[in-house]
């Protein structure tokens, strides 16, 4: 038999009502919310309407999901390590982070809010 546990390390588990900001947004001035539209994040298991919690102060590391500015627009990317170089995965293709590529990591995705219907 499996069990689940309610846990939030910033509040007492008996304190109600539950404040999701206290659980998911440790640095409010550096945290932003993005809503996934269309199939932009399908390659990462995201669905339209998912809300991404993005922190601009988290250090970049392989295997993280991030928001990048690519060709002047926000894009969802996955940071990957290829042959000791950091690359990003945009949909099914990967782009090596080079100086001549117009791609800047804007923030790291630290959480996801998904509503089931």
PDB file of N, CA and C in Angstrom:
ATOM      1  N   UNK A   1       0.839  -1.166   0.000  1.00  0.00           N
ATOM      2  CA  UNK A   1       0.000   0.000   0.000  1.00  0.00           C
ATOM      3  C   UNK A   1       0.891   1.239   0.000  1.00  0.00           C
ATOM      4  N   UNK A   2       0.534   2.242  -0.803  1.00  0.00           N
ATOM      5  CA  UNK A   2       1.293   3.485  -0.896  1.00  0.00           C
ATOM      6  C   UNK A   2       0.578   4.593  -0.152  1.00  0.00           C
ATOM      7  N   UNK A   3       1.372   5.497   0.385  1.00  0.00           N
ATOM      8  CA  UNK A   3       0.836   6.654   1.092  1.00  0.00           C
ATOM      9  C   UNK A   3       1.482   7.910   0.540  1.00  0.00           C
ATOM     10  N   UNK A   4       0.792   9.028   0.683  1.00  0.00           N
ATOM     11  CA  UNK A   4       1.382  10.307   0.344  1.00  0.00           C
ATOM     12  C   UNK A   4       1.388  11.170   1.592  1.00  0.00           C
ATOM     13  N   UNK A   5       2.283  12.113   1.635  1.00  0.00           N
ATOM     14  CA  UNK A   5       2.421  12.983   2.789  1.00  0.00           C
ATOM     15  C   UNK A   5       2.336  14.429   2.345  1.00  0.00           C
ATOM     16  N   UNK A   6       1.585  15.230   3.087  1.00  0.00           N
ATOM     17  CA  UNK A   6       1.554  16.660   2.818  1.00  0.00           C
ATOM     18  C   UNK A   6       2.778  17.263   3.480  1.00  0.00           C
ATOM     19  N   UNK A   7       3.570  18.009   2.682  1.00  0.00           N
ATOM     20  CA  UNK A   7       4.791  18.573   3.238  1.00  0.00           C
ATOM     21  C   UNK A   7       5.067  19.932   2.628  1.00  0.00           C
ATOM     22  N   UNK A   8       5.415  20.872   3.450  1.00  0.00           N
ATOM     23  CA  UNK A   8       5.925  22.165   3.019  1.00  0.00           C
ATOM     24  C   UNK A   8       6.914  22.588   4.084  1.00  0.00           C
ATOM     25  N   UNK A   9       8.154  22.767   3.706  1.00  0.00           N
ATOM     26  CA  UNK A   9       9.185  23.017   4.706  1.00  0.00           C
ATOM     27  C   UNK A   9       9.157  24.428   5.283  1.00  0.00           C
ATOM     28  N   UNK A  10       8.280  25.297   4.794  1.00  0.00           N
ATOM     29  CA  UNK A  10       8.277  26.665   5.292  1.00  0.00           C
ATOM     30  C   UNK A  10       7.142  26.962   6.263  1.00  0.00           C
ATOM     31  N   UNK A  11       6.203  26.040   6.411  1.00  0.00           N
ATOM     32  CA  UNK A  11       5.090  26.286   7.330  1.00  0.00           C
ATOM     33  C   UNK A  11       4.808  25.031   8.140  1.00  0.00           C
ATOM     34  N   UNK A  12       4.217  25.224   9.264  1.00  0.00           N
ATOM     35  CA  UNK A  12       3.783  24.109  10.097  1.00  0.00           C
ATOM     36  C   UNK A  12       2.663  23.377   9.360  1.00  0.00           C
ATOM     37  N   UNK A  13       2.703  22.053   9.338  1.00  0.00           N
ATOM     38  CA  UNK A  13       1.711  21.293   8.581  1.00  0.00           C
ATOM     39  C   UNK A  13       0.300  21.435   9.124  1.00  0.00           C
ATOM     40  N   UNK A  14       0.129  21.973  10.307  1.00  0.00           N
ATOM     41  CA  UNK A  14      -1.205  22.171  10.867  1.00  0.00           C
ATOM     42  C   UNK A  14      -1.746  23.572  10.599  1.00  0.00           C
ATOM     43  N   UNK A  15      -0.948  24.425   9.989  1.00  0.00           N
ATOM     44  CA  UNK A  15      -1.368  25.800   9.732  1.00  0.00           C
ATOM     45  C   UNK A  15      -2.237  25.852   8.479  1.00  0.00           C
ATOM     46  N   UNK A  16      -3.416  26.417   8.601  1.00  0.00           N
ATOM     47  CA  UNK A  16      -4.328  26.576   7.478  1.00  0.00           C
ATOM     48  C   UNK A  16      -4.765  28.011   7.406  1.00  0.00           C
ATOM     49  N   UNK A  17      -5.091  28.566   6.263  1.00  0.00           N
ATOM     50  CA  UNK A  17      -5.054  27.894   4.967  1.00  0.00           C
ATOM     51  C   UNK A  17      -3.628  27.764   4.435  1.00  0.00           C
ATOM     52  N   UNK A  18      -3.433  26.807   3.558  1.00  0.00           N
ATOM     53  CA  UNK A  18      -2.135  26.565   2.957  1.00  0.00           C
ATOM     54  C   UNK A  18      -1.799  27.705   2.002  1.00  0.00           C
ATOM     55  N   UNK A  19      -0.630  28.278   2.133  1.00  0.00           N
ATOM     56  CA  UNK A  19      -0.192  29.376   1.284  1.00  0.00           C
ATOM     57  C   UNK A  19       0.856  28.834   0.302  1.00  0.00           C
ATOM     58  N   UNK A  20       0.471  28.670  -0.966  1.00  0.00           N
ATOM     59  CA  UNK A  20       1.391  28.121  -1.961  1.00  0.00           C
ATOM     60  C   UNK A  20       2.579  29.032  -2.212  1.00  0.00           C
ATOM     61  N   UNK A  21       2.412  30.328  -2.027  1.00  0.00           N
ATOM     62  CA  UNK A  21       3.556  31.228  -2.192  1.00  0.00           C
ATOM     63  C   UNK A  21       4.666  30.892  -1.203  1.00  0.00           C
ATOM     64  N   UNK A  22       4.315  30.574   0.026  1.00  0.00           N
ATOM     65  CA  UNK A  22       5.327  30.229   1.019  1.00  0.00           C
ATOM     66  C   UNK A  22       6.038  28.923   0.667  1.00  0.00           C
ATOM     67  N   UNK A  23       5.334  28.007   0.019  1.00  0.00           N
ATOM     68  CA  UNK A  23       5.924  26.719  -0.338  1.00  0.00           C
ATOM     69  C   UNK A  23       6.744  26.767  -1.626  1.00  0.00           C
ATOM     70  N   UNK A  24       6.280  27.529  -2.614  1.00  0.00           N
ATOM     71  CA  UNK A  24       6.857  27.455  -3.949  1.00  0.00           C
ATOM     72  C   UNK A  24       7.663  28.671  -4.385  1.00  0.00           C
ATOM     73  N   UNK A  25       7.594  29.756  -3.608  1.00  0.00           N
ATOM     74  CA  UNK A  25       8.252  30.998  -4.016  1.00  0.00           C
ATOM     75  C   UNK A  25       9.143  31.504  -2.877  1.00  0.00           C
ATOM     76  N   UNK A  26      10.336  30.928  -2.725  1.00  0.00           N
ATOM     77  CA  UNK A  26      11.206  31.336  -1.616  1.00  0.00           C
ATOM     78  C   UNK A  26      11.780  32.745  -1.787  1.00  0.00           C
ATOM     79  N   UNK A  27      11.908  33.210  -3.027  1.00  0.00           N
ATOM     80  CA  UNK A  27      12.460  34.545  -3.300  1.00  0.00           C
ATOM     81  C   UNK A  27      11.482  35.312  -4.196  1.00  0.00           C
ATOM     82  N   UNK A  28      10.451  35.928  -3.612  1.00  0.00           N
ATOM     83  CA  UNK A  28       9.392  36.568  -4.398  1.00  0.00           C
ATOM     84  C   UNK A  28       9.878  37.622  -5.395  1.00  0.00           C
ATOM     85  N   UNK A  29      10.899  38.378  -5.063  1.00  0.00           N
ATOM     86  CA  UNK A  29      11.343  39.422  -5.987  1.00  0.00           C
ATOM     87  C   UNK A  29      12.100  38.865  -7.193  1.00  0.00           C
ATOM     88  N   UNK A  30      12.528  37.605  -7.121  1.00  0.00           N
ATOM     89  CA  UNK A  30      13.278  36.978  -8.212  1.00  0.00           C
ATOM     90  C   UNK A  30      12.507  35.846  -8.885  1.00  0.00           C
ATOM     91  N   UNK A  31      11.235  35.685  -8.534  1.00  0.00           N
ATOM     92  CA  UNK A  31      10.437  34.570  -9.038  1.00  0.00           C
ATOM     93  C   UNK A  31       9.320  35.096  -9.929  1.00  0.00           C
ATOM     94  N   UNK A  32       9.120  34.410 -11.055  1.00  0.00           N
ATOM     95  CA  UNK A  32       8.130  34.817 -12.045  1.00  0.00           C
ATOM     96  C   UNK A  32       7.332  33.594 -12.479  1.00  0.00           C
ATOM     97  N   UNK A  33       6.152  33.833 -13.037  1.00  0.00           N
ATOM     98  CA  UNK A  33       5.269  32.760 -13.490  1.00  0.00           C
ATOM     99  C   UNK A  33       5.080  32.870 -14.998  1.00  0.00           C
ATOM    100  N   UNK A  34       5.174  31.734 -15.672  1.00  0.00           N
ATOM    101  CA  UNK A  34       4.944  31.655 -17.103  1.00  0.00           C
ATOM    102  C   UNK A  34       3.869  30.608 -17.360  1.00  0.00           C
ATOM    103  N   UNK A  35       2.953  30.892 -18.261  1.00  0.00           N
ATOM    104  CA  UNK A  35       1.928  29.920 -18.640  1.00  0.00           C
ATOM    105  C   UNK A  35       2.318  29.293 -19.968  1.00  0.00           C
ATOM    106  N   UNK A  36       2.317  27.967 -20.018  1.00  0.00           N
ATOM    107  CA  UNK A  36       2.635  27.240 -21.239  1.00  0.00           C
ATOM    108  C   UNK A  36       1.458  27.375 -22.197  1.00  0.00           C
ATOM    109  N   UNK A  37       1.762  27.716 -23.441  1.00  0.00           N
ATOM    110  CA  UNK A  37       0.711  27.808 -24.453  1.00  0.00           C
ATOM    111  C   UNK A  37       0.992  26.812 -25.567  1.00  0.00           C
ATOM    112  N   UNK A  38      -0.068  26.306 -26.162  1.00  0.00           N
ATOM    113  CA  UNK A  38       0.069  25.358 -27.266  1.00  0.00           C
ATOM    114  C   UNK A  38       0.868  24.141 -26.861  1.00  0.00           C
ATOM    115  N   UNK A  39       1.688  23.666 -27.791  1.00  0.00           N
ATOM    116  CA  UNK A  39       2.504  22.476 -27.514  1.00  0.00           C
ATOM    117  C   UNK A  39       3.974  22.841 -27.282  1.00  0.00           C
ATOM    118  N   UNK A  40       4.214  24.077 -26.827  1.00  0.00           N
ATOM    119  CA  UNK A  40       5.579  24.577 -26.648  1.00  0.00           C
ATOM    120  C   UNK A  40       6.417  23.717 -25.715  1.00  0.00           C
ATOM    121  N   UNK A  41       5.818  23.092 -24.731  1.00  0.00           N
ATOM    122  CA  UNK A  41       6.588  22.295 -23.785  1.00  0.00           C
ATOM    123  C   UNK A  41       6.291  20.812 -23.835  1.00  0.00           C
ATOM    124  N   UNK A  42       5.635  20.374 -24.893  1.00  0.00           N
ATOM    125  CA  UNK A  42       5.255  18.957 -24.981  1.00  0.00           C
ATOM    126  C   UNK A  42       6.468  18.032 -24.912  1.00  0.00           C
ATOM    127  N   UNK A  43       7.602  18.443 -25.478  1.00  0.00           N
ATOM    128  CA  UNK A  43       8.805  17.593 -25.471  1.00  0.00           C
ATOM    129  C   UNK A  43       9.360  17.406 -24.062  1.00  0.00           C
ATOM    130  N   UNK A  44       8.885  18.218 -23.100  1.00  0.00           N
ATOM    131  CA  UNK A  44       9.308  18.083 -21.707  1.00  0.00           C
ATOM    132  C   UNK A  44       8.174  17.567 -20.813  1.00  0.00           C
ATOM    133  N   UNK A  45       7.085  17.134 -21.412  1.00  0.00           N
ATOM    134  CA  UNK A  45       5.959  16.615 -20.637  1.00  0.00           C
ATOM    135  C   UNK A  45       5.035  17.694 -20.117  1.00  0.00           C
ATOM    136  N   UNK A  46       5.157  18.905 -20.647  1.00  0.00           N
ATOM    137  CA  UNK A  46       4.305  20.012 -20.215  1.00  0.00           C
ATOM    138  C   UNK A  46       3.067  20.080 -21.095  1.00  0.00           C
ATOM    139  N   UNK A  47       1.996  20.621 -20.535  1.00  0.00           N
ATOM    140  CA  UNK A  47       0.732  20.763 -21.254  1.00  0.00           C
ATOM    141  C   UNK A  47       0.335  22.224 -21.304  1.00  0.00           C
ATOM    142  N   UNK A  48      -0.469  22.575 -22.294  1.00  0.00           N
ATOM    143  CA  UNK A  48      -0.999  23.932 -22.387  1.00  0.00           C
ATOM    144  C   UNK A  48      -1.741  24.258 -21.098  1.00  0.00           C
ATOM    145  N   UNK A  49      -1.498  25.430 -20.559  1.00  0.00           N
ATOM    146  CA  UNK A  49      -2.131  25.844 -19.310  1.00  0.00           C
ATOM    147  C   UNK A  49      -1.291  25.612 -18.077  1.00  0.00           C
ATOM    148  N   UNK A  50      -0.240  24.785 -18.178  1.00  0.00           N
ATOM    149  CA  UNK A  50       0.660  24.594 -17.034  1.00  0.00           C
ATOM    150  C   UNK A  50       1.300  25.936 -16.677  1.00  0.00           C
ATOM    151  N   UNK A  51       1.461  26.182 -15.396  1.00  0.00           N
ATOM    152  CA  UNK A  51       2.105  27.404 -14.934  1.00  0.00           C
ATOM    153  C   UNK A  51       3.485  27.034 -14.405  1.00  0.00           C
ATOM    154  N   UNK A  52       4.514  27.623 -15.001  1.00  0.00           N
ATOM    155  CA  UNK A  52       5.891  27.364 -14.595  1.00  0.00           C
ATOM    156  C   UNK A  52       6.321  28.419 -13.592  1.00  0.00           C
ATOM    157  N   UNK A  53       6.978  27.990 -12.526  1.00  0.00           N
ATOM    158  CA  UNK A  53       7.540  28.896 -11.535  1.00  0.00           C
ATOM    159  C   UNK A  53       9.024  29.022 -11.878  1.00  0.00           C
ATOM    160  N   UNK A  54       9.452  30.240 -12.156  1.00  0.00           N
ATOM    161  CA  UNK A  54      10.804  30.478 -12.672  1.00  0.00           C
ATOM    162  C   UNK A  54      11.553  31.413 -11.731  1.00  0.00           C
ATOM    163  N   UNK A  55      12.733  30.966 -11.302  1.00  0.00           N
ATOM    164  CA  UNK A  55      13.579  31.741 -10.393  1.00  0.00           C
ATOM    165  C   UNK A  55      14.807  32.209 -11.159  1.00  0.00           C
ATOM    166  N   UNK A  56      15.067  33.504 -11.135  1.00  0.00           N
ATOM    167  CA  UNK A  56      16.192  34.069 -11.877  1.00  0.00           C
ATOM    168  C   UNK A  56      17.510  33.961 -11.131  1.00  0.00           C
ATOM    169  N   UNK A  57      17.500  33.512  -9.867  1.00  0.00           N
ATOM    170  CA  UNK A  57      18.740  33.462  -9.083  1.00  0.00           C
ATOM    171  C   UNK A  57      19.354  32.069  -9.004  1.00  0.00           C
ATOM    172  N   UNK A  58      18.682  31.064  -9.509  1.00  0.00           N
ATOM    173  CA  UNK A  58      19.185  29.691  -9.441  1.00  0.00           C
ATOM    174  C   UNK A  58      20.306  29.516 -10.468  1.00  0.00           C
ATOM    175  N   UNK A  59      21.383  28.860 -10.058  1.00  0.00           N
ATOM    176  CA  UNK A  59      22.509  28.613 -10.957  1.00  0.00           C
ATOM    177  C   UNK A  59      22.133  27.617 -12.042  1.00  0.00           C
ATOM    178  N   UNK A  60      22.678  27.821 -13.213  1.00  0.00           N
ATOM    179  CA  UNK A  60      22.440  26.963 -14.368  1.00  0.00           C
ATOM    180  C   UNK A  60      23.217  25.665 -14.207  1.00  0.00           C
ATOM    181  N   UNK A  61      22.558  24.536 -14.479  1.00  0.00           N
ATOM    182  CA  UNK A  61      23.201  23.223 -14.417  1.00  0.00           C
ATOM    183  C   UNK A  61      22.512  22.289 -15.408  1.00  0.00           C
ATOM    184  N   UNK A  62      23.220  21.255 -15.861  1.00  0.00           N
ATOM    185  CA  UNK A  62      22.606  20.304 -16.790  1.00  0.00           C
ATOM    186  C   UNK A  62      21.357  19.650 -16.203  1.00  0.00           C
ATOM    187  N   UNK A  63      20.456  19.264 -17.066  1.00  0.00           N
ATOM    188  CA  UNK A  63      19.204  18.567 -16.777  1.00  0.00           C
ATOM    189  C   UNK A  63      18.110  19.469 -16.197  1.00  0.00           C
ATOM    190  N   UNK A  64      18.373  20.763 -16.104  1.00  0.00           N
ATOM    191  CA  UNK A  64      17.336  21.662 -15.620  1.00  0.00           C
ATOM    192  C   UNK A  64      16.462  22.119 -16.777  1.00  0.00           C
ATOM    193  N   UNK A  65      15.226  22.450 -16.436  1.00  0.00           N
ATOM    194  CA  UNK A  65      14.323  23.086 -17.372  1.00  0.00           C
ATOM    195  C   UNK A  65      14.481  24.591 -17.163  1.00  0.00           C
ATOM    196  N   UNK A  66      14.506  25.358 -18.240  1.00  0.00           N
ATOM    197  CA  UNK A  66      14.746  26.787 -18.121  1.00  0.00           C
ATOM    198  C   UNK A  66      13.875  27.570 -19.092  1.00  0.00           C
ATOM    199  N   UNK A  67      13.782  28.861 -18.823  1.00  0.00           N
ATOM    200  CA  UNK A  67      13.189  29.796 -19.766  1.00  0.00           C
ATOM    201  C   UNK A  67      14.362  30.530 -20.398  1.00  0.00           C
ATOM    202  N   UNK A  68      14.383  30.555 -21.715  1.00  0.00           N
ATOM    203  CA  UNK A  68      15.450  31.230 -22.445  1.00  0.00           C
ATOM    204  C   UNK A  68      14.829  32.258 -23.381  1.00  0.00           C
ATOM    205  N   UNK A  69      15.604  33.262 -23.685  1.00  0.00           N
ATOM    206  CA  UNK A  69      15.216  34.204 -24.731  1.00  0.00           C
ATOM    207  C   UNK A  69      15.952  33.749 -25.980  1.00  0.00           C
ATOM    208  N   UNK A  70      15.194  33.302 -26.970  1.00  0.00           N
ATOM    209  CA  UNK A  70      15.747  32.750 -28.200  1.00  0.00           C
ATOM    210  C   UNK A  70      15.112  33.478 -29.373  1.00  0.00           C
ATOM    211  N   UNK A  71      15.920  34.105 -30.189  1.00  0.00           N
ATOM    212  CA  UNK A  71      15.433  34.919 -31.305  1.00  0.00           C
ATOM    213  C   UNK A  71      14.414  35.956 -30.838  1.00  0.00           C
ATOM    214  N   UNK A  72      14.674  36.549 -29.667  1.00  0.00           N
ATOM    215  CA  UNK A  72      13.826  37.627 -29.163  1.00  0.00           C
ATOM    216  C   UNK A  72      12.541  37.193 -28.486  1.00  0.00           C
ATOM    217  N   UNK A  73      12.314  35.888 -28.315  1.00  0.00           N
ATOM    218  CA  UNK A  73      11.091  35.397 -27.683  1.00  0.00           C
ATOM    219  C   UNK A  73      11.428  34.448 -26.547  1.00  0.00           C
ATOM    220  N   UNK A  74      10.532  34.390 -25.537  1.00  0.00           N
ATOM    221  CA  UNK A  74      10.704  33.425 -24.457  1.00  0.00           C
ATOM    222  C   UNK A  74      10.442  32.022 -24.993  1.00  0.00           C
ATOM    223  N   UNK A  75      11.302  31.079 -24.620  1.00  0.00           N
ATOM    224  CA  UNK A  75      11.155  29.684 -25.028  1.00  0.00           C
ATOM    225  C   UNK A  75      11.442  28.788 -23.835  1.00  0.00           C
ATOM    226  N   UNK A  76      10.809  27.625 -23.816  1.00  0.00           N
ATOM    227  CA  UNK A  76      11.079  26.617 -22.799  1.00  0.00           C
ATOM    228  C   UNK A  76      12.191  25.731 -23.341  1.00  0.00           C
ATOM    229  N   UNK A  77      13.241  25.536 -22.548  1.00  0.00           N
ATOM    230  CA  UNK A  77      14.362  24.713 -22.984  1.00  0.00           C
ATOM    231  C   UNK A  77      14.758  23.764 -21.864  1.00  0.00           C
ATOM    232  N   UNK A  78      15.467  22.723 -22.231  1.00  0.00           N
ATOM    233  CA  UNK A  78      16.089  21.841 -21.254  1.00  0.00           C
ATOM    234  C   UNK A  78      17.591  21.973 -21.422  1.00  0.00           C
ATOM    235  N   UNK A  79      18.282  22.209 -20.320  1.00  0.00           N
ATOM    236  CA  UNK A  79      19.737  22.315 -20.355  1.00  0.00           C
ATOM    237  C   UNK A  79      20.317  20.914 -20.351  1.00  0.00           C
ATOM    238  N   UNK A  80      21.203  20.639 -21.276  1.00  0.00           N
ATOM    239  CA  UNK A  80      21.806  19.304 -21.372  1.00  0.00           C
ATOM    240  C   UNK A  80      23.316  19.456 -21.522  1.00  0.00           C
ATOM    241  N   UNK A  81      24.023  18.421 -21.146  1.00  0.00           N
ATOM    242  CA  UNK A  81      25.477  18.411 -21.285  1.00  0.00           C
ATOM    243  C   UNK A  81      25.817  17.448 -22.411  1.00  0.00           C
ATOM    244  N   UNK A  82      26.489  17.980 -23.431  1.00  0.00           N
ATOM    245  CA  UNK A  82      26.916  17.169 -24.565  1.00  0.00           C
ATOM    246  C   UNK A  82      28.419  17.318 -24.743  1.00  0.00           C
ATOM    247  N   UNK A  83      29.126  16.244 -24.544  1.00  0.00           N
ATOM    248  CA  UNK A  83      30.582  16.255 -24.729  1.00  0.00           C
ATOM    249  C   UNK A  83      31.237  17.369 -23.904  1.00  0.00           C
ATOM    250  N   UNK A  84      30.828  17.483 -22.646  1.00  0.00           N
ATOM    251  CA  UNK A  84      31.358  18.451 -21.682  1.00  0.00           C
ATOM    252  C   UNK A  84      31.003  19.900 -22.010  1.00  0.00           C
ATOM    253  N   UNK A  85      30.128  20.126 -22.976  1.00  0.00           N
ATOM    254  CA  UNK A  85      29.638  21.468 -23.290  1.00  0.00           C
ATOM    255  C   UNK A  85      28.177  21.554 -22.861  1.00  0.00           C
ATOM    256  N   UNK A  86      27.755  22.731 -22.443  1.00  0.00           N
ATOM    257  CA  UNK A  86      26.356  22.936 -22.081  1.00  0.00           C
ATOM    258  C   UNK A  86      25.584  23.310 -23.334  1.00  0.00           C
ATOM    259  N   UNK A  87      24.528  22.573 -23.600  1.00  0.00           N
ATOM    260  CA  UNK A  87      23.651  22.826 -24.740  1.00  0.00           C
ATOM    261  C   UNK A  87      22.230  22.951 -24.226  1.00  0.00           C
ATOM    262  N   UNK A  88      21.339  23.366 -25.093  1.00  0.00           N
ATOM    263  CA  UNK A  88      19.929  23.416 -24.730  1.00  0.00           C
ATOM    264  C   UNK A  88      19.138  22.606 -25.731  1.00  0.00           C
ATOM    265  N   UNK A  89      18.055  22.036 -25.233  1.00  0.00           N
ATOM    266  CA  UNK A  89      17.163  21.285 -26.111  1.00  0.00           C
ATOM    267  C   UNK A  89      15.925  22.132 -26.331  1.00  0.00           C
ATOM    268  N   UNK A  90      15.701  22.485 -27.577  1.00  0.00           N
ATOM    269  CA  UNK A  90      14.493  23.186 -28.002  1.00  0.00           C
ATOM    270  C   UNK A  90      13.689  22.183 -28.811  1.00  0.00           C
ATOM    271  N   UNK A  91      12.605  21.709 -28.288  1.00  0.00           N
ATOM    272  CA  UNK A  91      11.817  20.648 -28.914  1.00  0.00           C
ATOM    273  C   UNK A  91      12.718  19.446 -29.167  1.00  0.00           C
ATOM    274  N   UNK A  92      12.755  18.951 -30.378  1.00  0.00           N
ATOM    275  CA  UNK A  92      13.516  17.728 -30.642  1.00  0.00           C
ATOM    276  C   UNK A  92      14.971  18.001 -30.982  1.00  0.00           C
ATOM    277  N   UNK A  93      15.360  19.259 -31.159  1.00  0.00           N
ATOM    278  CA  UNK A  93      16.737  19.552 -31.541  1.00  0.00           C
ATOM    279  C   UNK A  93      17.489  20.189 -30.382  1.00  0.00           C
ATOM    280  N   UNK A  94      18.806  20.091 -30.418  1.00  0.00           N
ATOM    281  CA  UNK A  94      19.614  20.743 -29.397  1.00  0.00           C
ATOM    282  C   UNK A  94      20.491  21.797 -30.055  1.00  0.00           C
ATOM    283  N   UNK A  95      20.765  22.854 -29.306  1.00  0.00           N
ATOM    284  CA  UNK A  95      21.575  23.961 -29.792  1.00  0.00           C
ATOM    285  C   UNK A  95      22.714  24.164 -28.800  1.00  0.00           C
ATOM    286  N   UNK A  96      23.948  24.110 -29.265  1.00  0.00           N
ATOM    287  CA  UNK A  96      25.091  24.323 -28.386  1.00  0.00           C
ATOM    288  C   UNK A  96      25.138  25.801 -27.995  1.00  0.00           C
ATOM    289  N   UNK A  97      25.406  26.073 -26.723  1.00  0.00           N
ATOM    290  CA  UNK A  97      25.496  27.452 -26.258  1.00  0.00           C
ATOM    291  C   UNK A  97      26.837  28.041 -26.680  1.00  0.00           C
ATOM    292  N   UNK A  98      26.807  28.770 -27.739  1.00  0.00           N
ATOM    293  CA  UNK A  98      27.996  29.428 -28.267  1.00  0.00           C
ATOM    294  C   UNK A  98      27.768  30.933 -28.261  1.00  0.00           C
ATOM    295  N   UNK A  99      28.843  31.674 -28.396  1.00  0.00           N
ATOM    296  CA  UNK A  99      28.721  33.125 -28.382  1.00  0.00           C
ATOM    297  C   UNK A  99      27.915  33.654 -29.550  1.00  0.00           C
ATOM    298  N   UNK A 100      27.918  32.956 -30.693  1.00  0.00           N
ATOM    299  CA  UNK A 100      27.209  33.465 -31.859  1.00  0.00           C
ATOM    300  C   UNK A 100      25.743  33.037 -31.921  1.00  0.00           C
ATOM    301  N   UNK A 101      25.269  32.279 -30.951  1.00  0.00           N
ATOM    302  CA  UNK A 101      23.868  31.870 -30.904  1.00  0.00           C
ATOM    303  C   UNK A 101      23.101  32.896 -30.081  1.00  0.00           C
ATOM    304  N   UNK A 102      22.001  33.391 -30.639  1.00  0.00           N
ATOM    305  CA  UNK A 102      21.186  34.399 -29.957  1.00  0.00           C
ATOM    306  C   UNK A 102      20.243  33.710 -28.968  1.00  0.00           C
ATOM    307  N   UNK A 103      20.810  33.219 -27.858  1.00  0.00           N
ATOM    308  CA  UNK A 103      20.035  32.534 -26.830  1.00  0.00           C
ATOM    309  C   UNK A 103      20.606  32.891 -25.463  1.00  0.00           C
ATOM    310  N   UNK A 104      19.751  33.400 -24.601  1.00  0.00           N
ATOM    311  CA  UNK A 104      20.162  33.742 -23.241  1.00  0.00           C
ATOM    312  C   UNK A 104      19.255  33.020 -22.254  1.00  0.00           C
ATOM    313  N   UNK A 105      19.843  32.383 -21.252  1.00  0.00           N
ATOM    314  CA  UNK A 105      19.057  31.740 -20.194  1.00  0.00           C
ATOM    315  C   UNK A 105      18.499  32.859 -19.302  1.00  0.00           C
ATOM    316  N   UNK A 106      17.183  32.940 -19.215  1.00  0.00           N
ATOM    317  CA  UNK A 106      16.510  33.994 -18.456  1.00  0.00           C
ATOM    318  C   UNK A 106      16.281  33.591 -17.006  1.00  0.00           C
ATOM    319  N   UNK A 107      15.923  32.316 -16.780  1.00  0.00           N
ATOM    320  CA  UNK A 107      15.678  31.818 -15.434  1.00  0.00           C
ATOM    321  C   UNK A 107      15.478  30.315 -15.450  1.00  0.00           C
ATOM    322  N   UNK A 108      15.542  29.717 -14.271  1.00  0.00           N
ATOM    323  CA  UNK A 108      15.421  28.268 -14.121  1.00  0.00           C
ATOM    324  C   UNK A 108      14.033  27.930 -13.576  1.00  0.00           C
ATOM    325  N   UNK A 109      13.416  26.920 -14.179  1.00  0.00           N
ATOM    326  CA  UNK A 109      12.100  26.467 -13.723  1.00  0.00           C
ATOM    327  C   UNK A 109      12.294  25.680 -12.428  1.00  0.00           C
ATOM    328  N   UNK A 110      11.648  26.144 -11.363  1.00  0.00           N
ATOM    329  CA  UNK A 110      11.785  25.502 -10.052  1.00  0.00           C
ATOM    330  C   UNK A 110      10.507  24.816  -9.604  1.00  0.00           C
ATOM    331  N   UNK A 111       9.425  25.030 -10.333  1.00  0.00           N
ATOM    332  CA  UNK A 111       8.169  24.414  -9.944  1.00  0.00           C
ATOM    333  C   UNK A 111       7.164  24.460 -11.073  1.00  0.00           C
ATOM    334  N   UNK A 112       6.090  23.718 -10.868  1.00  0.00           N
ATOM    335  CA  UNK A 112       5.035  23.597 -11.877  1.00  0.00           C
ATOM    336  C   UNK A 112       3.705  23.527 -11.160  1.00  0.00           C
ATOM    337  N   UNK A 113       2.736  24.276 -11.663  1.00  0.00           N
ATOM    338  CA  UNK A 113       1.365  24.178 -11.164  1.00  0.00           C
ATOM    339  C   UNK A 113       0.521  23.674 -12.301  1.00  0.00           C
ATOM    340  N   UNK A 114      -0.130  22.550 -12.084  1.00  0.00           N
ATOM    341  CA  UNK A 114      -0.964  21.955 -13.117  1.00  0.00           C
ATOM    342  C   UNK A 114      -2.334  21.673 -12.532  1.00  0.00           C
ATOM    343  N   UNK A 115      -3.345  22.096 -13.263  1.00  0.00           N
ATOM    344  CA  UNK A 115      -4.713  21.852 -12.821  1.00  0.00           C
ATOM    345  C   UNK A 115      -5.293  20.676 -13.598  1.00  0.00           C
ATOM    346  N   UNK A 116      -5.802  19.693 -12.888  1.00  0.00           N
ATOM    347  CA  UNK A 116      -6.442  18.530 -13.524  1.00  0.00           C
ATOM    348  C   UNK A 116      -7.912  18.835 -13.723  1.00  0.00           C
ATOM    349  N   UNK A 117      -8.429  18.389 -14.846  1.00  0.00           N
ATOM    350  CA  UNK A 117      -9.848  18.674 -15.131  1.00  0.00           C
ATOM    351  C   UNK A 117     -10.679  17.442 -15.110  1.00  0.00           C
TER     352      UNK A 117
END
